[in-house]
Amino acid sequence: MKVLSRTVVAVCAGVALLAAAGCGGGSPKDVSPGSMEKDQGLAKVDPCTLLTPDELKSFGFEGPGQPETGISSEPGCSFRGKPFTATFYKNQEKTVESYSKQDNWAKFDRAEVDGRPAASAIDKSATQARICSALFNAGGGVIIIDVSEFRDQGLDECAEGLKVAEAIAPRMPRY
């Protein structure tokens, strides 16, 4: 599915989360370093447990997250927070390289996270919404972290997304 659709879902989810009084779902599981390394691919990776409760708090996110099921090929989980909100997705069918070939990007800056191909990217449709996606390869697919500012404070969503990616990547399977 196109990133534009994912971005629209993320924007709508962000608006819904801001209007909601709280998030549903159970408590996030404690994810210890290397615990997901045992599983091949991203099949068993739960986007709602990519960050530990302490990490969520350190990034200013409130847990538990709200599962995002709008795009079947990219299950995700949204977290409210200040100054940023975030939605984490996994996609087992694409990689950073395949995303880079799409023509919907206003910005696509290649990077490296935990020795893996990565990028920070802004969809053409999201430039005014202040949404930036950090992507990195994991388990034969890709983890995508959409970060947006709660209110435009002139902060760097892309830098924040890459910080979150750096925290998550060491626990993700490589192949």
N, C-alpha and C. Protein backbone atom coordinates (compact mmCIF):
# COMPACT_ATOMS: atom_id res chain seq x y z
N MET A 1 0.84 -1.18 0.00
CA MET A 1 0.00 0.00 0.00
C MET A 1 0.88 1.23 0.00
N LYS A 2 0.43 2.29 -0.56
CA LYS A 2 1.22 3.51 -0.69
C LYS A 2 1.44 4.18 0.66
N VAL A 3 2.57 4.83 0.77
CA VAL A 3 2.89 5.55 2.00
C VAL A 3 1.92 6.70 2.21
N LEU A 4 1.40 7.27 1.11
CA LEU A 4 0.40 8.34 1.24
C LEU A 4 -0.78 7.85 2.05
N SER A 5 -1.25 6.63 1.76
CA SER A 5 -2.37 6.07 2.52
C SER A 5 -1.99 5.88 3.98
N ARG A 6 -0.77 5.39 4.21
CA ARG A 6 -0.30 5.18 5.58
C ARG A 6 -0.22 6.53 6.29
N THR A 7 0.24 7.55 5.60
CA THR A 7 0.35 8.87 6.19
C THR A 7 -1.02 9.43 6.54
N VAL A 8 -1.98 9.24 5.64
CA VAL A 8 -3.35 9.71 5.92
C VAL A 8 -3.90 8.98 7.14
N VAL A 9 -3.67 7.66 7.21
CA VAL A 9 -4.12 6.90 8.37
C VAL A 9 -3.43 7.42 9.63
N ALA A 10 -2.13 7.71 9.55
CA ALA A 10 -1.40 8.21 10.71
C ALA A 10 -1.93 9.57 11.16
N VAL A 11 -2.21 10.45 10.20
CA VAL A 11 -2.75 11.77 10.55
C VAL A 11 -4.11 11.62 11.21
N CYS A 12 -4.97 10.80 10.61
CA CYS A 12 -6.31 10.59 11.18
C CYS A 12 -6.19 9.95 12.56
N ALA A 13 -5.28 8.99 12.70
CA ALA A 13 -5.10 8.35 14.00
C ALA A 13 -4.61 9.35 15.03
N GLY A 14 -3.70 10.24 14.61
CA GLY A 14 -3.20 11.26 15.54
C GLY A 14 -4.30 12.17 16.02
N VAL A 15 -5.17 12.57 15.09
CA VAL A 15 -6.30 13.43 15.46
C VAL A 15 -7.23 12.68 16.41
N ALA A 16 -7.48 11.41 16.10
CA ALA A 16 -8.36 10.61 16.96
C ALA A 16 -7.74 10.43 18.34
N LEU A 17 -6.44 10.21 18.37
CA LEU A 17 -5.78 10.03 19.66
C LEU A 17 -5.82 11.30 20.51
N LEU A 18 -5.68 12.43 19.86
CA LEU A 18 -5.75 13.69 20.60
C LEU A 18 -7.14 13.91 21.19
N ALA A 19 -8.15 13.41 20.49
CA ALA A 19 -9.51 13.59 20.96
C ALA A 19 -9.89 12.54 22.01
N ALA A 20 -9.18 11.43 22.02
CA ALA A 20 -9.53 10.35 22.95
C ALA A 20 -9.06 10.66 24.36
N ALA A 21 -9.78 10.17 25.31
CA ALA A 21 -9.40 10.39 26.71
C ALA A 21 -8.29 9.46 27.14
N GLY A 22 -8.16 8.29 26.53
CA GLY A 22 -7.12 7.35 26.91
C GLY A 22 -6.92 6.33 25.82
N CYS A 23 -5.91 5.51 25.99
CA CYS A 23 -5.59 4.46 25.02
C CYS A 23 -6.08 3.13 25.55
N GLY A 24 -6.50 2.25 24.64
CA GLY A 24 -6.93 0.92 25.02
C GLY A 24 -5.79 -0.06 24.92
N GLY A 25 -6.07 -1.29 25.25
CA GLY A 25 -5.08 -2.34 25.11
C GLY A 25 -4.47 -2.70 26.44
N GLY A 26 -3.74 -3.80 26.43
CA GLY A 26 -3.10 -4.27 27.64
C GLY A 26 -1.77 -3.61 27.87
N SER A 27 -1.10 -4.04 28.93
CA SER A 27 0.21 -3.47 29.26
C SER A 27 1.24 -3.96 28.27
N PRO A 28 2.16 -3.07 27.87
CA PRO A 28 3.21 -3.50 26.96
C PRO A 28 4.07 -4.57 27.62
N LYS A 29 4.52 -5.53 26.83
CA LYS A 29 5.38 -6.58 27.34
C LYS A 29 6.77 -6.00 27.54
N ASP A 30 7.49 -6.54 28.52
CA ASP A 30 8.87 -6.12 28.71
C ASP A 30 9.70 -6.78 27.63
N VAL A 31 10.42 -5.99 26.87
CA VAL A 31 11.22 -6.49 25.77
C VAL A 31 12.68 -6.34 26.16
N SER A 32 13.33 -7.47 26.38
CA SER A 32 14.74 -7.39 26.76
C SER A 32 15.60 -7.45 25.52
N PRO A 33 16.79 -6.84 25.59
CA PRO A 33 17.68 -6.85 24.42
C PRO A 33 17.93 -8.27 23.94
N GLY A 34 17.80 -8.46 22.64
CA GLY A 34 18.03 -9.75 22.03
C GLY A 34 16.86 -10.71 22.08
N SER A 35 15.79 -10.37 22.81
CA SER A 35 14.68 -11.30 22.94
C SER A 35 13.97 -11.56 21.62
N MET A 36 13.94 -10.56 20.73
CA MET A 36 13.28 -10.77 19.44
C MET A 36 14.24 -11.33 18.40
N GLU A 37 15.52 -11.38 18.72
CA GLU A 37 16.54 -11.87 17.79
C GLU A 37 16.29 -13.34 17.47
N LYS A 38 15.67 -14.08 18.38
CA LYS A 38 15.43 -15.50 18.20
C LYS A 38 14.41 -15.77 17.10
N ASP A 39 13.46 -14.91 16.91
CA ASP A 39 12.41 -15.10 15.92
C ASP A 39 12.87 -14.65 14.54
N GLN A 40 12.62 -15.49 13.55
CA GLN A 40 12.96 -15.11 12.19
C GLN A 40 11.96 -14.09 11.69
N GLY A 41 12.44 -13.06 11.07
CA GLY A 41 11.58 -12.07 10.47
C GLY A 41 10.82 -11.25 11.49
N LEU A 42 9.84 -10.52 10.96
CA LEU A 42 9.05 -9.61 11.79
C LEU A 42 7.70 -10.20 12.20
N ALA A 43 7.43 -11.44 11.84
CA ALA A 43 6.11 -12.02 12.08
C ALA A 43 5.65 -11.88 13.53
N LYS A 44 6.52 -12.11 14.47
CA LYS A 44 6.11 -12.08 15.88
C LYS A 44 6.40 -10.74 16.56
N VAL A 45 6.88 -9.77 15.81
CA VAL A 45 7.16 -8.45 16.38
C VAL A 45 5.85 -7.68 16.53
N ASP A 46 5.58 -7.23 17.73
CA ASP A 46 4.38 -6.45 18.04
C ASP A 46 4.73 -4.97 18.09
N PRO A 47 4.21 -4.17 17.15
CA PRO A 47 4.55 -2.74 17.16
C PRO A 47 4.23 -2.03 18.47
N CYS A 48 3.31 -2.57 19.26
CA CYS A 48 2.96 -1.93 20.53
C CYS A 48 4.01 -2.20 21.62
N THR A 49 4.95 -3.11 21.37
CA THR A 49 5.96 -3.42 22.38
C THR A 49 7.38 -3.15 21.88
N LEU A 50 7.51 -2.31 20.86
CA LEU A 50 8.85 -2.01 20.35
C LEU A 50 9.69 -1.24 21.35
N LEU A 51 9.06 -0.41 22.16
CA LEU A 51 9.76 0.30 23.23
C LEU A 51 9.31 -0.25 24.58
N THR A 52 10.24 -0.32 25.51
CA THR A 52 9.89 -0.74 26.86
C THR A 52 9.11 0.39 27.53
N PRO A 53 8.41 0.12 28.62
CA PRO A 53 7.71 1.19 29.33
C PRO A 53 8.63 2.35 29.73
N ASP A 54 9.85 2.05 30.18
CA ASP A 54 10.79 3.11 30.53
C ASP A 54 11.20 3.93 29.32
N GLU A 55 11.40 3.26 28.17
CA GLU A 55 11.76 3.98 26.96
C GLU A 55 10.61 4.87 26.49
N LEU A 56 9.38 4.34 26.56
CA LEU A 56 8.22 5.16 26.19
C LEU A 56 8.23 6.45 27.00
N LYS A 57 8.40 6.31 28.30
CA LYS A 57 8.41 7.48 29.20
C LYS A 57 9.55 8.43 28.85
N SER A 58 10.74 7.89 28.56
CA SER A 58 11.89 8.75 28.27
C SER A 58 11.69 9.57 26.98
N PHE A 59 10.90 9.04 26.03
CA PHE A 59 10.62 9.77 24.79
C PHE A 59 9.37 10.64 24.92
N GLY A 60 8.71 10.60 26.07
CA GLY A 60 7.53 11.42 26.29
C GLY A 60 6.24 10.81 25.76
N PHE A 61 6.25 9.50 25.50
CA PHE A 61 5.06 8.82 25.00
C PHE A 61 4.31 8.18 26.16
N GLU A 62 3.00 8.11 26.01
CA GLU A 62 2.15 7.48 27.02
C GLU A 62 1.75 6.10 26.53
N GLY A 63 1.81 5.12 27.40
CA GLY A 63 1.40 3.77 27.04
C GLY A 63 0.19 3.38 27.85
N PRO A 64 -0.49 2.37 27.49
CA PRO A 64 -0.20 1.51 26.33
C PRO A 64 -0.60 2.19 25.03
N GLY A 65 -0.11 1.64 23.95
CA GLY A 65 -0.42 2.19 22.64
C GLY A 65 -1.75 1.70 22.11
N GLN A 66 -2.19 2.34 21.06
CA GLN A 66 -3.45 1.99 20.40
C GLN A 66 -3.12 1.27 19.09
N PRO A 67 -3.49 -0.01 18.95
CA PRO A 67 -3.21 -0.74 17.71
C PRO A 67 -3.81 -0.04 16.49
N GLU A 68 -3.05 -0.04 15.40
CA GLU A 68 -3.47 0.53 14.12
C GLU A 68 -3.61 -0.63 13.13
N THR A 69 -4.81 -0.84 12.65
CA THR A 69 -5.05 -1.97 11.75
C THR A 69 -5.60 -1.52 10.40
N GLY A 70 -5.49 -0.25 10.08
CA GLY A 70 -6.05 0.28 8.84
C GLY A 70 -5.40 -0.25 7.58
N ILE A 71 -4.15 -0.64 7.64
CA ILE A 71 -3.43 -1.16 6.48
C ILE A 71 -2.93 -2.55 6.85
N SER A 72 -3.49 -3.57 6.25
CA SER A 72 -3.19 -4.95 6.65
C SER A 72 -1.71 -5.30 6.47
N SER A 73 -1.05 -4.74 5.48
CA SER A 73 0.37 -5.06 5.25
C SER A 73 1.29 -4.27 6.18
N GLU A 74 0.74 -3.32 6.93
CA GLU A 74 1.53 -2.52 7.86
C GLU A 74 0.82 -2.35 9.19
N PRO A 75 0.76 -3.43 9.98
CA PRO A 75 0.16 -3.28 11.30
C PRO A 75 1.00 -2.31 12.13
N GLY A 76 0.33 -1.54 12.97
CA GLY A 76 1.04 -0.53 13.72
C GLY A 76 0.47 -0.31 15.10
N CYS A 77 1.03 0.68 15.77
CA CYS A 77 0.60 1.03 17.11
C CYS A 77 0.92 2.51 17.34
N SER A 78 -0.07 3.27 17.79
CA SER A 78 0.08 4.72 18.02
C SER A 78 0.21 5.03 19.50
N PHE A 79 1.04 6.04 19.77
CA PHE A 79 1.26 6.50 21.13
C PHE A 79 1.09 8.01 21.20
N ARG A 80 0.32 8.46 22.16
CA ARG A 80 0.22 9.89 22.42
C ARG A 80 1.44 10.32 23.19
N GLY A 81 1.71 11.61 23.14
CA GLY A 81 2.83 12.13 23.90
C GLY A 81 3.00 13.61 23.66
N LYS A 82 3.89 14.19 24.39
CA LYS A 82 4.24 15.60 24.21
C LYS A 82 5.74 15.71 24.35
N PRO A 83 6.42 16.38 23.49
CA PRO A 83 5.90 17.21 22.40
C PRO A 83 5.59 16.42 21.13
N PHE A 84 5.89 15.11 21.13
CA PHE A 84 5.68 14.30 19.93
C PHE A 84 4.65 13.20 20.15
N THR A 85 3.98 12.81 19.08
CA THR A 85 3.21 11.59 19.04
C THR A 85 3.92 10.68 18.05
N ALA A 86 3.70 9.37 18.16
CA ALA A 86 4.38 8.45 17.26
C ALA A 86 3.49 7.26 16.94
N THR A 87 3.70 6.73 15.74
CA THR A 87 3.07 5.48 15.34
C THR A 87 4.17 4.59 14.79
N PHE A 88 4.23 3.37 15.31
CA PHE A 88 5.22 2.39 14.87
C PHE A 88 4.53 1.38 13.97
N TYR A 89 5.15 1.05 12.84
CA TYR A 89 4.62 0.07 11.90
C TYR A 89 5.70 -0.95 11.59
N LYS A 90 5.25 -2.11 11.14
CA LYS A 90 6.17 -3.08 10.55
C LYS A 90 5.61 -3.45 9.18
N ASN A 91 6.50 -3.71 8.25
CA ASN A 91 6.11 -4.15 6.91
C ASN A 91 7.07 -5.25 6.52
N GLN A 92 6.54 -6.45 6.35
CA GLN A 92 7.35 -7.62 6.04
C GLN A 92 7.62 -7.76 4.55
N GLU A 93 7.05 -6.89 3.74
CA GLU A 93 7.16 -7.03 2.29
C GLU A 93 8.10 -6.01 1.65
N LYS A 94 8.46 -4.95 2.36
CA LYS A 94 9.29 -3.89 1.79
C LYS A 94 10.55 -3.70 2.61
N THR A 95 11.47 -2.91 2.04
CA THR A 95 12.71 -2.55 2.71
C THR A 95 12.91 -1.04 2.54
N VAL A 96 13.93 -0.52 3.18
CA VAL A 96 14.26 0.90 3.01
C VAL A 96 14.51 1.17 1.53
N GLU A 97 15.22 0.27 0.87
CA GLU A 97 15.53 0.45 -0.55
C GLU A 97 14.26 0.53 -1.39
N SER A 98 13.30 -0.35 -1.16
CA SER A 98 12.07 -0.30 -1.97
C SER A 98 11.26 0.97 -1.68
N TYR A 99 11.27 1.44 -0.44
CA TYR A 99 10.60 2.70 -0.14
C TYR A 99 11.29 3.88 -0.84
N SER A 100 12.62 3.82 -0.95
CA SER A 100 13.35 4.93 -1.55
C SER A 100 12.98 5.15 -3.02
N LYS A 101 12.49 4.12 -3.67
CA LYS A 101 12.16 4.21 -5.10
C LYS A 101 10.78 4.80 -5.36
N GLN A 102 10.00 5.03 -4.32
CA GLN A 102 8.68 5.62 -4.48
C GLN A 102 8.82 7.11 -4.78
N ASP A 103 7.89 7.65 -5.55
CA ASP A 103 7.99 9.05 -5.96
C ASP A 103 7.17 10.00 -5.09
N ASN A 104 6.77 9.56 -3.93
CA ASN A 104 5.92 10.37 -3.06
C ASN A 104 6.68 11.17 -2.02
N TRP A 105 8.02 11.15 -2.07
CA TRP A 105 8.81 11.78 -1.02
C TRP A 105 9.15 13.23 -1.33
N ALA A 106 8.92 14.11 -0.38
CA ALA A 106 9.43 15.48 -0.45
C ALA A 106 10.89 15.47 0.00
N LYS A 107 11.22 14.53 0.88
CA LYS A 107 12.57 14.37 1.41
C LYS A 107 12.79 12.89 1.69
N PHE A 108 13.94 12.36 1.30
CA PHE A 108 14.31 10.98 1.64
C PHE A 108 15.82 10.97 1.86
N ASP A 109 16.22 11.04 3.12
CA ASP A 109 17.63 11.09 3.48
C ASP A 109 18.07 9.73 4.01
N ARG A 110 18.99 9.11 3.30
CA ARG A 110 19.51 7.81 3.74
C ARG A 110 20.33 7.99 5.01
N ALA A 111 20.30 6.95 5.84
CA ALA A 111 21.04 6.96 7.10
C ALA A 111 21.43 5.52 7.42
N GLU A 112 22.00 5.34 8.59
CA GLU A 112 22.31 4.01 9.10
C GLU A 112 21.90 3.97 10.56
N VAL A 113 21.23 2.89 10.94
CA VAL A 113 20.80 2.70 12.32
C VAL A 113 21.22 1.29 12.73
N ASP A 114 22.03 1.17 13.75
CA ASP A 114 22.49 -0.12 14.24
C ASP A 114 23.14 -0.94 13.12
N GLY A 115 23.88 -0.26 12.24
CA GLY A 115 24.54 -0.94 11.14
C GLY A 115 23.61 -1.39 10.04
N ARG A 116 22.39 -0.91 10.02
CA ARG A 116 21.38 -1.31 9.03
C ARG A 116 21.04 -0.13 8.12
N PRO A 117 20.62 -0.42 6.88
CA PRO A 117 20.12 0.65 6.03
C PRO A 117 18.91 1.31 6.71
N ALA A 118 18.90 2.64 6.66
CA ALA A 118 17.83 3.40 7.29
C ALA A 118 17.62 4.69 6.50
N ALA A 119 16.59 5.42 6.89
CA ALA A 119 16.31 6.72 6.25
C ALA A 119 15.38 7.51 7.14
N SER A 120 15.40 8.82 6.92
CA SER A 120 14.35 9.67 7.46
C SER A 120 13.70 10.30 6.24
N ALA A 121 12.37 10.33 6.26
CA ALA A 121 11.65 10.73 5.05
C ALA A 121 10.40 11.52 5.40
N ILE A 122 10.07 12.44 4.51
CA ILE A 122 8.83 13.22 4.65
C ILE A 122 8.04 13.03 3.36
N ASP A 123 6.82 12.54 3.51
CA ASP A 123 5.93 12.37 2.38
C ASP A 123 5.49 13.74 1.87
N LYS A 124 5.32 13.87 0.57
CA LYS A 124 4.88 15.14 -0.01
C LYS A 124 3.58 15.63 0.63
N SER A 125 2.71 14.72 1.00
CA SER A 125 1.43 15.10 1.59
C SER A 125 1.54 15.46 3.07
N ALA A 126 2.70 15.26 3.67
CA ALA A 126 2.84 15.46 5.12
C ALA A 126 3.74 16.63 5.48
N THR A 127 4.17 17.43 4.51
CA THR A 127 5.11 18.51 4.83
C THR A 127 4.49 19.55 5.76
N GLN A 128 3.23 19.87 5.57
CA GLN A 128 2.58 20.86 6.43
C GLN A 128 2.14 20.25 7.76
N ALA A 129 1.93 18.94 7.78
CA ALA A 129 1.48 18.26 8.99
C ALA A 129 2.62 18.01 9.97
N ARG A 130 3.86 18.26 9.57
CA ARG A 130 5.03 18.04 10.41
C ARG A 130 5.12 16.60 10.87
N ILE A 131 5.05 15.69 9.88
CA ILE A 131 5.19 14.26 10.13
C ILE A 131 6.44 13.79 9.40
N CYS A 132 7.30 13.08 10.12
CA CYS A 132 8.49 12.52 9.52
C CYS A 132 8.53 11.03 9.83
N SER A 133 8.96 10.25 8.85
CA SER A 133 9.08 8.81 9.02
C SER A 133 10.55 8.43 9.13
N ALA A 134 10.88 7.64 10.14
CA ALA A 134 12.19 7.02 10.24
C ALA A 134 11.99 5.55 9.90
N LEU A 135 12.80 5.03 9.01
CA LEU A 135 12.68 3.65 8.56
C LEU A 135 14.01 2.94 8.75
N PHE A 136 13.97 1.66 9.11
CA PHE A 136 15.20 0.87 9.11
C PHE A 136 14.85 -0.58 8.81
N ASN A 137 15.78 -1.27 8.15
CA ASN A 137 15.58 -2.66 7.79
C ASN A 137 15.64 -3.53 9.03
N ALA A 138 14.73 -4.51 9.08
CA ALA A 138 14.69 -5.46 10.19
C ALA A 138 13.97 -6.71 9.73
N GLY A 139 14.51 -7.87 10.06
CA GLY A 139 13.84 -9.13 9.82
C GLY A 139 13.39 -9.36 8.39
N GLY A 140 14.14 -8.90 7.42
CA GLY A 140 13.76 -9.06 6.02
C GLY A 140 12.72 -8.05 5.56
N GLY A 141 12.30 -7.18 6.44
CA GLY A 141 11.31 -6.14 6.11
C GLY A 141 11.80 -4.80 6.62
N VAL A 142 10.86 -4.02 7.13
CA VAL A 142 11.21 -2.67 7.59
C VAL A 142 10.34 -2.28 8.78
N ILE A 143 10.94 -1.54 9.71
CA ILE A 143 10.22 -0.90 10.80
C ILE A 143 10.10 0.56 10.41
N ILE A 144 8.91 1.12 10.56
CA ILE A 144 8.64 2.51 10.21
C ILE A 144 8.14 3.23 11.47
N ILE A 145 8.71 4.37 11.74
CA ILE A 145 8.33 5.16 12.91
C ILE A 145 7.90 6.53 12.41
N ASP A 146 6.60 6.81 12.48
CA ASP A 146 6.08 8.12 12.10
C ASP A 146 6.04 8.99 13.35
N VAL A 147 6.70 10.13 13.30
CA VAL A 147 6.74 11.04 14.44
C VAL A 147 6.16 12.38 14.00
N SER A 148 5.30 12.92 14.83
CA SER A 148 4.74 14.25 14.55
C SER A 148 4.73 15.07 15.83
N GLU A 149 4.81 16.38 15.64
CA GLU A 149 4.75 17.27 16.78
C GLU A 149 3.31 17.44 17.24
N PHE A 150 3.12 17.50 18.54
CA PHE A 150 1.80 17.74 19.10
C PHE A 150 1.30 19.10 18.65
N ARG A 151 2.13 20.09 18.76
CA ARG A 151 1.88 21.44 18.22
C ARG A 151 3.20 21.89 17.62
N ASP A 152 3.13 22.65 16.57
CA ASP A 152 4.36 23.10 15.90
C ASP A 152 5.18 23.97 16.84
N GLN A 153 6.27 23.39 17.32
CA GLN A 153 7.18 24.11 18.21
C GLN A 153 8.55 24.30 17.56
N GLY A 154 8.63 23.98 16.27
CA GLY A 154 9.89 24.11 15.56
C GLY A 154 10.89 23.01 15.88
N LEU A 155 10.41 21.90 16.41
CA LEU A 155 11.29 20.78 16.75
C LEU A 155 11.55 19.93 15.52
N ASP A 156 12.50 19.02 15.61
CA ASP A 156 12.91 18.19 14.48
C ASP A 156 12.34 16.78 14.62
N GLU A 157 11.22 16.53 13.95
CA GLU A 157 10.56 15.23 14.00
C GLU A 157 11.46 14.13 13.45
N CYS A 158 12.21 14.46 12.40
CA CYS A 158 13.08 13.46 11.77
C CYS A 158 14.20 13.02 12.72
N ALA A 159 14.81 13.95 13.41
CA ALA A 159 15.86 13.61 14.38
C ALA A 159 15.29 12.76 15.51
N GLU A 160 14.10 13.11 15.97
CA GLU A 160 13.46 12.34 17.04
C GLU A 160 13.14 10.93 16.57
N GLY A 161 12.64 10.79 15.34
CA GLY A 161 12.35 9.46 14.79
C GLY A 161 13.59 8.59 14.73
N LEU A 162 14.71 9.17 14.33
CA LEU A 162 15.96 8.39 14.27
C LEU A 162 16.44 8.01 15.67
N LYS A 163 16.22 8.87 16.67
CA LYS A 163 16.57 8.52 18.06
C LYS A 163 15.76 7.31 18.52
N VAL A 164 14.48 7.32 18.21
CA VAL A 164 13.62 6.19 18.58
C VAL A 164 14.08 4.93 17.84
N ALA A 165 14.41 5.06 16.57
CA ALA A 165 14.89 3.92 15.79
C ALA A 165 16.15 3.33 16.41
N GLU A 166 17.06 4.19 16.87
CA GLU A 166 18.30 3.74 17.50
C GLU A 166 18.01 2.92 18.77
N ALA A 167 16.96 3.28 19.48
CA ALA A 167 16.60 2.53 20.70
C ALA A 167 16.00 1.17 20.36
N ILE A 168 15.23 1.10 19.28
CA ILE A 168 14.52 -0.12 18.92
C ILE A 168 15.40 -1.11 18.17
N ALA A 169 16.19 -0.64 17.23
CA ALA A 169 16.90 -1.49 16.27
C ALA A 169 17.74 -2.61 16.88
N PRO A 170 18.49 -2.39 17.96
CA PRO A 170 19.31 -3.49 18.48
C PRO A 170 18.53 -4.73 18.89
N ARG A 171 17.25 -4.59 19.17
CA ARG A 171 16.43 -5.74 19.59
C ARG A 171 15.72 -6.42 18.41
N MET A 172 15.77 -5.82 17.25
CA MET A 172 15.05 -6.34 16.10
C MET A 172 15.87 -7.40 15.37
N PRO A 173 15.16 -8.39 14.82
CA PRO A 173 15.88 -9.41 14.04
C PRO A 173 16.51 -8.76 12.82
N ARG A 174 17.62 -9.30 12.40
CA ARG A 174 18.29 -8.77 11.22
C ARG A 174 17.74 -9.39 9.96
N TYR A 175 17.36 -10.66 9.99
CA TYR A 175 16.88 -11.35 8.77
C TYR A 175 15.60 -12.09 9.04
